[in-house]
Amino acid sequence: MKKRMMGLVIIAVWFIGCTNPMVNMTPSGFKEVRLEDLVYQYQNRRPPVIKNELIRRKAVPVREWQYIDQRQLVVGMSEVGLQLSWGYPRSIGSWGVHKQYIYRSDRSRSKYVHLKNGKVSSWQQ
C-alpha cells in the first residue's frame, strides 16, 4: 500500500511540475516575467495568453507573427522572431555583428540560420 501511495505522489509531483504556471497568469502577473522566459514558454505549446503578452510588449514586429505562427522564417525577421518561430538553437556562434544559429533537424542534418545586426539574413536547411 505504501509503494502504491508513493507512486501516486511521484506521478502527482511530476504532473504538477510539467504544467505551465504562466498559462494561468493574469496580464498584471506578467509584469515581472522576463522576455526570455516568455519566449521559452511560448516555443513549444504556444499558449494564447503568452502570445498576447508578447504582442502587448511589442516583442516582435506585428508583420512577423504570420511567419511565427507557421514556424517559418523570412529575411529581415528579428532574432526574437526567429526564437519564437523555431525555438532556441542547439548552439550559437557569434562574431562582430554576425551570429549563426545551429538547429539539429535530425541525427545527421543541421539547419543554419545567419543573422546580421539582430536580423535573419539567410538560412540553410
PDB file of N, CA and C in Angstrom:
ATOM      1  N   MET A   1       0.818  -1.199   0.000  1.00  0.00           N
ATOM      2  CA  MET A   1       0.000   0.000   0.000  1.00  0.00           C
ATOM      3  C   MET A   1       0.862   1.263   0.000  1.00  0.00           C
ATOM      4  N   LYS A   2       1.969   1.241   0.810  1.00  0.00           N
ATOM      5  CA  LYS A   2       2.854   2.400   0.859  1.00  0.00           C
ATOM      6  C   LYS A   2       3.500   2.653  -0.506  1.00  0.00           C
ATOM      7  N   LYS A   3       3.889   1.574  -1.198  1.00  0.00           N
ATOM      8  CA  LYS A   3       4.520   1.726  -2.512  1.00  0.00           C
ATOM      9  C   LYS A   3       3.550   2.351  -3.506  1.00  0.00           C
ATOM     10  N   ARG A   4       2.307   1.901  -3.454  1.00  0.00           N
ATOM     11  CA  ARG A   4       1.302   2.443  -4.365  1.00  0.00           C
ATOM     12  C   ARG A   4       1.074   3.935  -4.092  1.00  0.00           C
ATOM     13  N   MET A   5       0.965   4.289  -2.817  1.00  0.00           N
ATOM     14  CA  MET A   5       0.759   5.690  -2.449  1.00  0.00           C
ATOM     15  C   MET A   5       1.957   6.531  -2.888  1.00  0.00           C
ATOM     16  N   MET A   6       3.167   6.014  -2.682  1.00  0.00           N
ATOM     17  CA  MET A   6       4.374   6.739  -3.082  1.00  0.00           C
ATOM     18  C   MET A   6       4.388   6.936  -4.602  1.00  0.00           C
ATOM     19  N   GLY A   7       3.954   5.917  -5.336  1.00  0.00           N
ATOM     20  CA  GLY A   7       3.875   6.028  -6.788  1.00  0.00           C
ATOM     21  C   GLY A   7       2.909   7.119  -7.221  1.00  0.00           C
ATOM     22  N   LEU A   8       1.769   7.194  -6.564  1.00  0.00           N
ATOM     23  CA  LEU A   8       0.792   8.233  -6.879  1.00  0.00           C
ATOM     24  C   LEU A   8       1.323   9.625  -6.553  1.00  0.00           C
ATOM     25  N   VAL A   9       2.048   9.742  -5.460  1.00  0.00           N
ATOM     26  CA  VAL A   9       2.646  11.032  -5.080  1.00  0.00           C
ATOM     27  C   VAL A   9       3.671  11.452  -6.129  1.00  0.00           C
ATOM     28  N   ILE A  10       4.494  10.520  -6.576  1.00  0.00           N
ATOM     29  CA  ILE A  10       5.516  10.830  -7.586  1.00  0.00           C
ATOM     30  C   ILE A  10       4.845  11.280  -8.876  1.00  0.00           C
ATOM     31  N   ILE A  11       3.800  10.597  -9.297  1.00  0.00           N
ATOM     32  CA  ILE A  11       3.088  10.976 -10.516  1.00  0.00           C
ATOM     33  C   ILE A  11       2.469  12.364 -10.356  1.00  0.00           C
ATOM     34  N   ALA A  12       1.882  12.641  -9.213  1.00  0.00           N
ATOM     35  CA  ALA A  12       1.262  13.951  -8.973  1.00  0.00           C
ATOM     36  C   ALA A  12       2.308  15.060  -9.015  1.00  0.00           C
ATOM     37  N   VAL A  13       3.452  14.846  -8.372  1.00  0.00           N
ATOM     38  CA  VAL A  13       4.522  15.853  -8.366  1.00  0.00           C
ATOM     39  C   VAL A  13       5.036  16.074  -9.781  1.00  0.00           C
ATOM     40  N   TRP A  14       5.215  14.986 -10.534  1.00  0.00           N
ATOM     41  CA  TRP A  14       5.690  15.106 -11.910  1.00  0.00           C
ATOM     42  C   TRP A  14       4.690  15.902 -12.738  1.00  0.00           C
ATOM     43  N   PHE A  15       3.405  15.595 -12.597  1.00  0.00           N
ATOM     44  CA  PHE A  15       2.372  16.274 -13.374  1.00  0.00           C
ATOM     45  C   PHE A  15       2.323  17.764 -13.045  1.00  0.00           C
ATOM     46  N   ILE A  16       2.379  18.084 -11.790  1.00  0.00           N
ATOM     47  CA  ILE A  16       2.354  19.490 -11.376  1.00  0.00           C
ATOM     48  C   ILE A  16       3.580  20.218 -11.908  1.00  0.00           C
ATOM     49  N   GLY A  17       4.722  19.561 -11.887  1.00  0.00           N
ATOM     50  CA  GLY A  17       5.951  20.167 -12.400  1.00  0.00           C
ATOM     51  C   GLY A  17       5.924  20.398 -13.893  1.00  0.00           C
ATOM     52  N   CYS A  18       5.110  19.627 -14.627  1.00  0.00           N
ATOM     53  CA  CYS A  18       5.040  19.755 -16.075  1.00  0.00           C
ATOM     54  C   CYS A  18       4.042  20.813 -16.537  1.00  0.00           C
ATOM     55  N   THR A  19       3.227  21.302 -15.656  1.00  0.00           N
ATOM     56  CA  THR A  19       2.258  22.314 -16.062  1.00  0.00           C
ATOM     57  C   THR A  19       2.949  23.658 -16.170  1.00  0.00           C
ATOM     58  N   ASN A  20       2.399  24.520 -16.964  1.00  0.00           N
ATOM     59  CA  ASN A  20       2.976  25.827 -17.207  1.00  0.00           C
ATOM     60  C   ASN A  20       2.230  26.866 -16.375  1.00  0.00           C
ATOM     61  N   PRO A  21       2.842  27.369 -15.303  1.00  0.00           N
ATOM     62  CA  PRO A  21       2.139  28.332 -14.448  1.00  0.00           C
ATOM     63  C   PRO A  21       1.807  29.635 -15.161  1.00  0.00           C
ATOM     64  N   MET A  22       2.525  29.968 -16.230  1.00  0.00           N
ATOM     65  CA  MET A  22       2.251  31.216 -16.937  1.00  0.00           C
ATOM     66  C   MET A  22       0.919  31.177 -17.664  1.00  0.00           C
ATOM     67  N   VAL A  23       0.439  29.995 -18.025  1.00  0.00           N
ATOM     68  CA  VAL A  23      -0.824  29.889 -18.757  1.00  0.00           C
ATOM     69  C   VAL A  23      -1.979  30.423 -17.931  1.00  0.00           C
ATOM     70  N   ASN A  24      -1.896  30.313 -16.622  1.00  0.00           N
ATOM     71  CA  ASN A  24      -2.977  30.761 -15.741  1.00  0.00           C
ATOM     72  C   ASN A  24      -2.775  32.161 -15.184  1.00  0.00           C
ATOM     73  N   MET A  25      -1.738  32.856 -15.631  1.00  0.00           N
ATOM     74  CA  MET A  25      -1.464  34.195 -15.114  1.00  0.00           C
ATOM     75  C   MET A  25      -2.415  35.223 -15.709  1.00  0.00           C
ATOM     76  N   THR A  26      -2.682  36.229 -14.929  1.00  0.00           N
ATOM     77  CA  THR A  26      -3.428  37.376 -15.424  1.00  0.00           C
ATOM     78  C   THR A  26      -2.437  38.334 -16.068  1.00  0.00           C
ATOM     79  N   PRO A  27      -2.898  39.250 -16.921  1.00  0.00           N
ATOM     80  CA  PRO A  27      -1.968  40.184 -17.563  1.00  0.00           C
ATOM     81  C   PRO A  27      -1.085  40.936 -16.572  1.00  0.00           C
ATOM     82  N   SER A  28      -1.616  41.291 -15.412  1.00  0.00           N
ATOM     83  CA  SER A  28      -0.786  42.011 -14.434  1.00  0.00           C
ATOM     84  C   SER A  28       0.290  41.110 -13.845  1.00  0.00           C
ATOM     85  N   GLY A  29       0.080  39.812 -13.868  1.00  0.00           N
ATOM     86  CA  GLY A  29       1.069  38.874 -13.348  1.00  0.00           C
ATOM     87  C   GLY A  29       2.311  38.767 -14.209  1.00  0.00           C
ATOM     88  N   PHE A  30       2.229  39.209 -15.459  1.00  0.00           N
ATOM     89  CA  PHE A  30       3.366  39.128 -16.375  1.00  0.00           C
ATOM     90  C   PHE A  30       4.368  40.261 -16.179  1.00  0.00           C
ATOM     91  N   LYS A  31       4.029  41.216 -15.350  1.00  0.00           N
ATOM     92  CA  LYS A  31       4.853  42.413 -15.190  1.00  0.00           C
ATOM     93  C   LYS A  31       6.317  42.087 -14.866  1.00  0.00           C
ATOM     94  N   GLU A  32       6.543  41.092 -14.024  1.00  0.00           N
ATOM     95  CA  GLU A  32       7.894  40.754 -13.577  1.00  0.00           C
ATOM     96  C   GLU A  32       8.553  39.654 -14.414  1.00  0.00           C
ATOM     97  N   VAL A  33       7.846  39.099 -15.387  1.00  0.00           N
ATOM     98  CA  VAL A  33       8.388  37.992 -16.179  1.00  0.00           C
ATOM     99  C   VAL A  33       9.308  38.546 -17.267  1.00  0.00           C
ATOM    100  N   ARG A  34      10.509  37.967 -17.351  1.00  0.00           N
ATOM    101  CA  ARG A  34      11.485  38.407 -18.348  1.00  0.00           C
ATOM    102  C   ARG A  34      11.052  37.963 -19.750  1.00  0.00           C
ATOM    103  N   LEU A  35      11.447  38.729 -20.762  1.00  0.00           N
ATOM    104  CA  LEU A  35      11.138  38.401 -22.144  1.00  0.00           C
ATOM    105  C   LEU A  35      11.666  37.012 -22.508  1.00  0.00           C
ATOM    106  N   GLU A  36      12.871  36.689 -22.069  1.00  0.00           N
ATOM    107  CA  GLU A  36      13.473  35.383 -22.378  1.00  0.00           C
ATOM    108  C   GLU A  36      12.607  34.239 -21.862  1.00  0.00           C
ATOM    109  N   ASP A  37      12.006  34.431 -20.692  1.00  0.00           N
ATOM    110  CA  ASP A  37      11.142  33.396 -20.119  1.00  0.00           C
ATOM    111  C   ASP A  37       9.845  33.256 -20.914  1.00  0.00           C
ATOM    112  N   LEU A  38       9.300  34.365 -21.384  1.00  0.00           N
ATOM    113  CA  LEU A  38       8.099  34.306 -22.211  1.00  0.00           C
ATOM    114  C   LEU A  38       8.381  33.587 -23.529  1.00  0.00           C
ATOM    115  N   VAL A  39       9.519  33.920 -24.144  1.00  0.00           N
ATOM    116  CA  VAL A  39       9.900  33.271 -25.405  1.00  0.00           C
ATOM    117  C   VAL A  39      10.039  31.772 -25.197  1.00  0.00           C
ATOM    118  N   TYR A  40      10.716  31.387 -24.140  1.00  0.00           N
ATOM    119  CA  TYR A  40      10.920  29.964 -23.855  1.00  0.00           C
ATOM    120  C   TYR A  40       9.583  29.249 -23.648  1.00  0.00           C
ATOM    121  N   GLN A  41       8.687  29.855 -22.900  1.00  0.00           N
ATOM    122  CA  GLN A  41       7.393  29.240 -22.626  1.00  0.00           C
ATOM    123  C   GLN A  41       6.507  29.169 -23.872  1.00  0.00           C
ATOM    124  N   TYR A  42       6.680  30.119 -24.784  1.00  0.00           N
ATOM    125  CA  TYR A  42       5.836  30.164 -25.974  1.00  0.00           C
ATOM    126  C   TYR A  42       6.232  29.108 -27.009  1.00  0.00           C
ATOM    127  N   GLN A  43       7.510  28.793 -27.089  1.00  0.00           N
ATOM    128  CA  GLN A  43       8.043  27.976 -28.177  1.00  0.00           C
ATOM    129  C   GLN A  43       7.306  26.672 -28.444  1.00  0.00           C
ATOM    130  N   ASN A  44       7.035  25.894 -27.430  1.00  0.00           N
ATOM    131  CA  ASN A  44       6.510  24.553 -27.655  1.00  0.00           C
ATOM    132  C   ASN A  44       4.988  24.478 -27.706  1.00  0.00           C
ATOM    133  N   ARG A  45       4.327  25.013 -26.722  1.00  0.00           N
ATOM    134  CA  ARG A  45       2.868  24.865 -26.640  1.00  0.00           C
ATOM    135  C   ARG A  45       2.103  26.038 -27.214  1.00  0.00           C
ATOM    136  N   ARG A  46       2.762  27.175 -27.333  1.00  0.00           N
ATOM    137  CA  ARG A  46       2.179  28.377 -27.915  1.00  0.00           C
ATOM    138  C   ARG A  46       0.851  28.805 -27.285  1.00  0.00           C
ATOM    139  N   PRO A  47       0.812  28.932 -25.944  1.00  0.00           N
ATOM    140  CA  PRO A  47      -0.434  29.349 -25.297  1.00  0.00           C
ATOM    141  C   PRO A  47      -0.811  30.782 -25.698  1.00  0.00           C
ATOM    142  N   PRO A  48      -2.095  31.011 -26.007  1.00  0.00           N
ATOM    143  CA  PRO A  48      -2.536  32.350 -26.425  1.00  0.00           C
ATOM    144  C   PRO A  48      -2.245  33.441 -25.407  1.00  0.00           C
ATOM    145  N   VAL A  49      -2.309  33.136 -24.110  1.00  0.00           N
ATOM    146  CA  VAL A  49      -2.074  34.167 -23.092  1.00  0.00           C
ATOM    147  C   VAL A  49      -0.634  34.690 -23.180  1.00  0.00           C
ATOM    148  N   ILE A  50       0.308  33.824 -23.502  1.00  0.00           N
ATOM    149  CA  ILE A  50       1.704  34.264 -23.627  1.00  0.00           C
ATOM    150  C   ILE A  50       1.880  35.043 -24.928  1.00  0.00           C
ATOM    151  N   LYS A  51       1.255  34.593 -26.001  1.00  0.00           N
ATOM    152  CA  LYS A  51       1.322  35.338 -27.269  1.00  0.00           C
ATOM    153  C   LYS A  51       0.763  36.743 -27.061  1.00  0.00           C
ATOM    154  N   ASN A  52      -0.353  36.850 -26.354  1.00  0.00           N
ATOM    155  CA  ASN A  52      -0.948  38.163 -26.095  1.00  0.00           C
ATOM    156  C   ASN A  52       0.005  39.068 -25.332  1.00  0.00           C
ATOM    157  N   GLU A  53       0.727  38.507 -24.379  1.00  0.00           N
ATOM    158  CA  GLU A  53       1.697  39.308 -23.622  1.00  0.00           C
ATOM    159  C   GLU A  53       2.860  39.730 -24.512  1.00  0.00           C
ATOM    160  N   LEU A  54       3.328  38.832 -25.375  1.00  0.00           N
ATOM    161  CA  LEU A  54       4.408  39.174 -26.308  1.00  0.00           C
ATOM    162  C   LEU A  54       3.966  40.284 -27.261  1.00  0.00           C
ATOM    163  N   ILE A  55       2.727  40.216 -27.719  1.00  0.00           N
ATOM    164  CA  ILE A  55       2.188  41.265 -28.592  1.00  0.00           C
ATOM    165  C   ILE A  55       2.070  42.574 -27.817  1.00  0.00           C
ATOM    166  N   ARG A  56       1.569  42.510 -26.573  1.00  0.00           N
ATOM    167  CA  ARG A  56       1.437  43.714 -25.749  1.00  0.00           C
ATOM    168  C   ARG A  56       2.781  44.396 -25.547  1.00  0.00           C
ATOM    169  N   ARG A  57       3.835  43.586 -25.364  1.00  0.00           N
ATOM    170  CA  ARG A  57       5.187  44.128 -25.161  1.00  0.00           C
ATOM    171  C   ARG A  57       5.866  44.544 -26.464  1.00  0.00           C
ATOM    172  N   LYS A  58       5.237  44.230 -27.592  1.00  0.00           N
ATOM    173  CA  LYS A  58       5.833  44.509 -28.911  1.00  0.00           C
ATOM    174  C   LYS A  58       7.198  43.835 -29.025  1.00  0.00           C
ATOM    175  N   ALA A  59       7.242  42.571 -28.608  1.00  0.00           N
ATOM    176  CA  ALA A  59       8.488  41.796 -28.628  1.00  0.00           C
ATOM    177  C   ALA A  59       9.008  41.598 -30.042  1.00  0.00           C
ATOM    178  N   VAL A  60       8.092  41.519 -31.004  1.00  0.00           N
ATOM    179  CA  VAL A  60       8.455  41.408 -32.416  1.00  0.00           C
ATOM    180  C   VAL A  60       7.505  42.291 -33.215  1.00  0.00           C
ATOM    181  N   PRO A  61       7.925  42.724 -34.398  1.00  0.00           N
ATOM    182  CA  PRO A  61       7.008  43.494 -35.241  1.00  0.00           C
ATOM    183  C   PRO A  61       5.770  42.666 -35.591  1.00  0.00           C
ATOM    184  N   VAL A  62       4.633  43.317 -35.697  1.00  0.00           N
ATOM    185  CA  VAL A  62       3.359  42.643 -35.968  1.00  0.00           C
ATOM    186  C   VAL A  62       3.440  41.785 -37.229  1.00  0.00           C
ATOM    187  N   ARG A  63       4.118  42.255 -38.271  1.00  0.00           N
ATOM    188  CA  ARG A  63       4.184  41.522 -39.539  1.00  0.00           C
ATOM    189  C   ARG A  63       4.885  40.173 -39.406  1.00  0.00           C
ATOM    190  N   GLU A  64       5.685  39.966 -38.348  1.00  0.00           N
ATOM    191  CA  GLU A  64       6.399  38.693 -38.173  1.00  0.00           C
ATOM    192  C   GLU A  64       5.505  37.578 -37.653  1.00  0.00           C
ATOM    193  N   TRP A  65       4.384  37.924 -37.019  1.00  0.00           N
ATOM    194  CA  TRP A  65       3.540  36.886 -36.412  1.00  0.00           C
ATOM    195  C   TRP A  65       3.005  35.890 -37.429  1.00  0.00           C
ATOM    196  N   GLN A  66       2.741  36.330 -38.656  1.00  0.00           N
ATOM    197  CA  GLN A  66       2.244  35.394 -39.665  1.00  0.00           C
ATOM    198  C   GLN A  66       3.268  34.299 -39.942  1.00  0.00           C
ATOM    199  N   TYR A  67       4.553  34.613 -39.871  1.00  0.00           N
ATOM    200  CA  TYR A  67       5.605  33.619 -40.090  1.00  0.00           C
ATOM    201  C   TYR A  67       5.832  32.777 -38.831  1.00  0.00           C
ATOM    202  N   ILE A  68       5.795  33.420 -37.677  1.00  0.00           N
ATOM    203  CA  ILE A  68       5.984  32.712 -36.411  1.00  0.00           C
ATOM    204  C   ILE A  68       4.895  31.660 -36.247  1.00  0.00           C
ATOM    205  N   ASP A  69       3.658  32.027 -36.521  1.00  0.00           N
ATOM    206  CA  ASP A  69       2.539  31.095 -36.365  1.00  0.00           C
ATOM    207  C   ASP A  69       2.664  29.877 -37.276  1.00  0.00           C
ATOM    208  N   GLN A  70       3.357  30.021 -38.389  1.00  0.00           N
ATOM    209  CA  GLN A  70       3.550  28.916 -39.328  1.00  0.00           C
ATOM    210  C   GLN A  70       4.927  28.260 -39.184  1.00  0.00           C
ATOM    211  N   ARG A  71       5.682  28.704 -38.171  1.00  0.00           N
ATOM    212  CA  ARG A  71       7.045  28.203 -37.925  1.00  0.00           C
ATOM    213  C   ARG A  71       7.943  28.390 -39.149  1.00  0.00           C
ATOM    214  N   GLN A  72       7.821  29.545 -39.765  1.00  0.00           N
ATOM    215  CA  GLN A  72       8.613  29.881 -40.939  1.00  0.00           C
ATOM    216  C   GLN A  72       9.543  31.043 -40.632  1.00  0.00           C
ATOM    217  N   LEU A  73      10.533  31.224 -41.505  1.00  0.00           N
ATOM    218  CA  LEU A  73      11.459  32.349 -41.399  1.00  0.00           C
ATOM    219  C   LEU A  73      11.282  33.248 -42.607  1.00  0.00           C
ATOM    220  N   VAL A  74      11.743  34.470 -42.471  1.00  0.00           N
ATOM    221  CA  VAL A  74      11.766  35.419 -43.574  1.00  0.00           C
ATOM    222  C   VAL A  74      12.997  36.300 -43.375  1.00  0.00           C
ATOM    223  N   VAL A  75      13.643  36.669 -44.459  1.00  0.00           N
ATOM    224  CA  VAL A  75      14.795  37.569 -44.368  1.00  0.00           C
ATOM    225  C   VAL A  75      14.335  38.867 -43.719  1.00  0.00           C
ATOM    226  N   GLY A  76      15.095  39.328 -42.751  1.00  0.00           N
ATOM    227  CA  GLY A  76      14.769  40.547 -42.017  1.00  0.00           C
ATOM    228  C   GLY A  76      14.037  40.294 -40.711  1.00  0.00           C
ATOM    229  N   MET A  77      13.673  39.017 -40.444  1.00  0.00           N
ATOM    230  CA  MET A  77      12.987  38.672 -39.197  1.00  0.00           C
ATOM    231  C   MET A  77      13.923  38.958 -38.012  1.00  0.00           C
ATOM    232  N   SER A  78      13.356  39.421 -36.924  1.00  0.00           N
ATOM    233  CA  SER A  78      14.148  39.718 -35.727  1.00  0.00           C
ATOM    234  C   SER A  78      14.654  38.435 -35.067  1.00  0.00           C
ATOM    235  N   GLU A  79      15.652  38.575 -34.241  1.00  0.00           N
ATOM    236  CA  GLU A  79      16.202  37.424 -33.517  1.00  0.00           C
ATOM    237  C   GLU A  79      15.152  36.810 -32.585  1.00  0.00           C
ATOM    238  N   VAL A  80      14.359  37.638 -31.933  1.00  0.00           N
ATOM    239  CA  VAL A  80      13.292  37.124 -31.074  1.00  0.00           C
ATOM    240  C   VAL A  80      12.250  36.404 -31.924  1.00  0.00           C
ATOM    241  N   GLY A  81      11.933  36.937 -33.101  1.00  0.00           N
ATOM    242  CA  GLY A  81      11.009  36.273 -34.011  1.00  0.00           C
ATOM    243  C   GLY A  81      11.511  34.900 -34.425  1.00  0.00           C
ATOM    244  N   LEU A  82      12.802  34.805 -34.695  1.00  0.00           N
ATOM    245  CA  LEU A  82      13.425  33.516 -35.017  1.00  0.00           C
ATOM    246  C   LEU A  82      13.249  32.541 -33.857  1.00  0.00           C
ATOM    247  N   GLN A  83      13.521  32.988 -32.645  1.00  0.00           N
ATOM    248  CA  GLN A  83      13.394  32.118 -31.470  1.00  0.00           C
ATOM    249  C   GLN A  83      11.947  31.686 -31.247  1.00  0.00           C
ATOM    250  N   LEU A  84      11.000  32.582 -31.482  1.00  0.00           N
ATOM    251  CA  LEU A  84       9.586  32.220 -31.331  1.00  0.00           C
ATOM    252  C   LEU A  84       9.145  31.237 -32.419  1.00  0.00           C
ATOM    253  N   SER A  85       9.700  31.380 -33.605  1.00  0.00           N
ATOM    254  CA  SER A  85       9.317  30.536 -34.723  1.00  0.00           C
ATOM    255  C   SER A  85       9.948  29.142 -34.654  1.00  0.00           C
ATOM    256  N   TRP A  86      11.260  29.082 -34.456  1.00  0.00           N
ATOM    257  CA  TRP A  86      11.993  27.805 -34.495  1.00  0.00           C
ATOM    258  C   TRP A  86      12.490  27.344 -33.134  1.00  0.00           C
ATOM    259  N   GLY A  87      12.358  28.159 -32.105  1.00  0.00           N
ATOM    260  CA  GLY A  87      12.850  27.782 -30.787  1.00  0.00           C
ATOM    261  C   GLY A  87      14.314  28.169 -30.612  1.00  0.00           C
ATOM    262  N   TYR A  88      14.866  27.759 -29.470  1.00  0.00           N
ATOM    263  CA  TYR A  88      16.276  28.040 -29.212  1.00  0.00           C
ATOM    264  C   TYR A  88      17.130  27.027 -29.956  1.00  0.00           C
ATOM    265  N   PRO A  89      18.255  27.475 -30.494  1.00  0.00           N
ATOM    266  CA  PRO A  89      19.105  26.565 -31.264  1.00  0.00           C
ATOM    267  C   PRO A  89      19.932  25.644 -30.368  1.00  0.00           C
ATOM    268  N   ARG A  90      20.536  24.672 -31.012  1.00  0.00           N
ATOM    269  CA  ARG A  90      21.456  23.767 -30.315  1.00  0.00           C
ATOM    270  C   ARG A  90      22.719  24.528 -29.905  1.00  0.00           C
ATOM    271  N   SER A  91      23.152  25.437 -30.788  1.00  0.00           N
ATOM    272  CA  SER A  91      24.313  26.274 -30.450  1.00  0.00           C
ATOM    273  C   SER A  91      24.242  27.585 -31.233  1.00  0.00           C
ATOM    274  N   ILE A  92      24.997  28.573 -30.717  1.00  0.00           N
ATOM    275  CA  ILE A  92      25.055  29.893 -31.334  1.00  0.00           C
ATOM    276  C   ILE A  92      26.522  30.286 -31.471  1.00  0.00           C
ATOM    277  N   GLY A  93      26.887  30.691 -32.675  1.00  0.00           N
ATOM    278  CA  GLY A  93      28.220  31.256 -32.899  1.00  0.00           C
ATOM    279  C   GLY A  93      28.065  32.744 -33.122  1.00  0.00           C
ATOM    280  N   SER A  94      29.023  33.524 -32.659  1.00  0.00           N
ATOM    281  CA  SER A  94      28.898  34.975 -32.749  1.00  0.00           C
ATOM    282  C   SER A  94      30.250  35.594 -33.085  1.00  0.00           C
ATOM    283  N   TRP A  95      30.264  36.532 -34.024  1.00  0.00           N
ATOM    284  CA  TRP A  95      31.457  37.288 -34.344  1.00  0.00           C
ATOM    285  C   TRP A  95      31.024  38.652 -34.873  1.00  0.00           C
ATOM    286  N   GLY A  96      31.411  39.671 -34.159  1.00  0.00           N
ATOM    287  CA  GLY A  96      31.026  41.031 -34.529  1.00  0.00           C
ATOM    288  C   GLY A  96      29.519  41.200 -34.555  1.00  0.00           C
ATOM    289  N   VAL A  97      29.002  41.681 -35.684  1.00  0.00           N
ATOM    290  CA  VAL A  97      27.566  41.894 -35.835  1.00  0.00           C
ATOM    291  C   VAL A  97      26.856  40.647 -36.373  1.00  0.00           C
ATOM    292  N   HIS A  98      27.606  39.564 -36.554  1.00  0.00           N
ATOM    293  CA  HIS A  98      27.064  38.334 -37.137  1.00  0.00           C
ATOM    294  C   HIS A  98      26.837  37.269 -36.067  1.00  0.00           C
ATOM    295  N   LYS A  99      25.783  36.485 -36.272  1.00  0.00           N
ATOM    296  CA  LYS A  99      25.508  35.315 -35.436  1.00  0.00           C
ATOM    297  C   LYS A  99      25.099  34.174 -36.345  1.00  0.00           C
ATOM    298  N   GLN A 100      25.363  32.959 -35.872  1.00  0.00           N
ATOM    299  CA  GLN A 100      24.896  31.776 -36.577  1.00  0.00           C
ATOM    300  C   GLN A 100      24.200  30.872 -35.584  1.00  0.00           C
ATOM    301  N   TYR A 101      22.932  30.592 -35.828  1.00  0.00           N
ATOM    302  CA  TYR A 101      22.168  29.658 -35.010  1.00  0.00           C
ATOM    303  C   TYR A 101      22.237  28.295 -35.697  1.00  0.00           C
ATOM    304  N   ILE A 102      22.517  27.275 -34.930  1.00  0.00           N
ATOM    305  CA  ILE A 102      22.560  25.924 -35.478  1.00  0.00           C
ATOM    306  C   ILE A 102      21.463  25.102 -34.817  1.00  0.00           C
ATOM    307  N   TYR A 103      20.558  24.602 -35.655  1.00  0.00           N
ATOM    308  CA  TYR A 103      19.458  23.756 -35.210  1.00  0.00           C
ATOM    309  C   TYR A 103      19.709  22.341 -35.707  1.00  0.00           C
ATOM    310  N   ARG A 104      19.458  21.374 -34.885  1.00  0.00           N
ATOM    311  CA  ARG A 104      19.580  19.977 -35.289  1.00  0.00           C
ATOM    312  C   ARG A 104      18.217  19.499 -35.744  1.00  0.00           C
ATOM    313  N   SER A 105      18.084  19.127 -37.025  1.00  0.00           N
ATOM    314  CA  SER A 105      16.786  18.686 -37.538  1.00  0.00           C
ATOM    315  C   SER A 105      16.606  17.179 -37.406  1.00  0.00           C
ATOM    316  N   ASP A 106      17.669  16.442 -37.494  1.00  0.00           N
ATOM    317  CA  ASP A 106      17.645  15.009 -37.216  1.00  0.00           C
ATOM    318  C   ASP A 106      19.071  14.591 -36.862  1.00  0.00           C
ATOM    319  N   ARG A 107      19.323  13.331 -36.794  1.00  0.00           N
ATOM    320  CA  ARG A 107      20.636  12.861 -36.311  1.00  0.00           C
ATOM    321  C   ARG A 107      21.806  13.310 -37.172  1.00  0.00           C
ATOM    322  N   SER A 108      21.587  13.440 -38.465  1.00  0.00           N
ATOM    323  CA  SER A 108      22.725  13.713 -39.341  1.00  0.00           C
ATOM    324  C   SER A 108      22.700  15.094 -40.000  1.00  0.00           C
ATOM    325  N   ARG A 109      21.600  15.803 -39.913  1.00  0.00           N
ATOM    326  CA  ARG A 109      21.483  17.081 -40.609  1.00  0.00           C
ATOM    327  C   ARG A 109      21.270  18.221 -39.618  1.00  0.00           C
ATOM    328  N   SER A 110      21.800  19.349 -39.980  1.00  0.00           N
ATOM    329  CA  SER A 110      21.596  20.553 -39.177  1.00  0.00           C
ATOM    330  C   SER A 110      21.051  21.653 -40.073  1.00  0.00           C
ATOM    331  N   LYS A 111      20.372  22.611 -39.452  1.00  0.00           N
ATOM    332  CA  LYS A 111      19.896  23.804 -40.144  1.00  0.00           C
ATOM    333  C   LYS A 111      20.701  24.971 -39.599  1.00  0.00           C
ATOM    334  N   TYR A 112      21.129  25.861 -40.484  1.00  0.00           N
ATOM    335  CA  TYR A 112      21.923  27.018 -40.090  1.00  0.00           C
ATOM    336  C   TYR A 112      21.153  28.287 -40.426  1.00  0.00           C
ATOM    337  N   VAL A 113      21.055  29.175 -39.443  1.00  0.00           N
ATOM    338  CA  VAL A 113      20.411  30.468 -39.657  1.00  0.00           C
ATOM    339  C   VAL A 113      21.442  31.541 -39.375  1.00  0.00           C
ATOM    340  N   HIS A 114      21.604  32.452 -40.321  1.00  0.00           N
ATOM    341  CA  HIS A 114      22.588  33.530 -40.195  1.00  0.00           C
ATOM    342  C   HIS A 114      21.874  34.842 -39.902  1.00  0.00           C
ATOM    343  N   LEU A 115      22.401  35.552 -38.923  1.00  0.00           N
ATOM    344  CA  LEU A 115      21.849  36.850 -38.548  1.00  0.00           C
ATOM    345  C   LEU A 115      22.917  37.921 -38.692  1.00  0.00           C
ATOM    346  N   LYS A 116      22.495  39.109 -39.065  1.00  0.00           N
ATOM    347  CA  LYS A 116      23.382  40.262 -39.115  1.00  0.00           C
ATOM    348  C   LYS A 116      22.650  41.406 -38.443  1.00  0.00           C
ATOM    349  N   ASN A 117      23.277  42.001 -37.441  1.00  0.00           N
ATOM    350  CA  ASN A 117      22.667  43.090 -36.672  1.00  0.00           C
ATOM    351  C   ASN A 117      21.309  42.700 -36.101  1.00  0.00           C
ATOM    352  N   GLY A 118      21.192  41.453 -35.636  1.00  0.00           N
ATOM    353  CA  GLY A 118      19.974  41.003 -34.977  1.00  0.00           C
ATOM    354  C   GLY A 118      18.819  40.644 -35.901  1.00  0.00           C
ATOM    355  N   LYS A 119      19.079  40.556 -37.211  1.00  0.00           N
ATOM    356  CA  LYS A 119      18.036  40.224 -38.188  1.00  0.00           C
ATOM    357  C   LYS A 119      18.480  39.006 -39.006  1.00  0.00           C
ATOM    358  N   VAL A 120      17.525  38.136 -39.340  1.00  0.00           N
ATOM    359  CA  VAL A 120      17.820  36.973 -40.169  1.00  0.00           C
ATOM    360  C   VAL A 120      18.263  37.463 -41.549  1.00  0.00           C
ATOM    361  N   SER A 121      19.450  36.999 -41.969  1.00  0.00           N
ATOM    362  CA  SER A 121      19.952  37.392 -43.294  1.00  0.00           C
ATOM    363  C   SER A 121      19.908  36.234 -44.286  1.00  0.00           C
ATOM    364  N   SER A 122      20.001  34.976 -43.790  1.00  0.00           N
ATOM    365  CA  SER A 122      19.900  33.808 -44.654  1.00  0.00           C
ATOM    366  C   SER A 122      19.798  32.563 -43.781  1.00  0.00           C
ATOM    367  N   TRP A 123      19.465  31.438 -44.404  1.00  0.00           N
ATOM    368  CA  TRP A 123      19.446  30.154 -43.697  1.00  0.00           C
ATOM    369  C   TRP A 123      19.637  29.031 -44.698  1.00  0.00           C
ATOM    370  N   GLN A 124      20.122  27.909 -44.175  1.00  0.00           N
ATOM    371  CA  GLN A 124      20.342  26.705 -44.979  1.00  0.00           C
ATOM    372  C   GLN A 124      19.656  25.552 -44.276  1.00  0.00           C
ATOM    373  N   GLN A 125      18.924  24.769 -45.056  1.00  0.00           N
ATOM    374  CA  GLN A 125      18.237  23.616 -44.465  1.00  0.00           C
ATOM    375  C   GLN A 125      18.817  22.321 -44.979  1.00  0.00           C
TER     376      GLN A 125
END
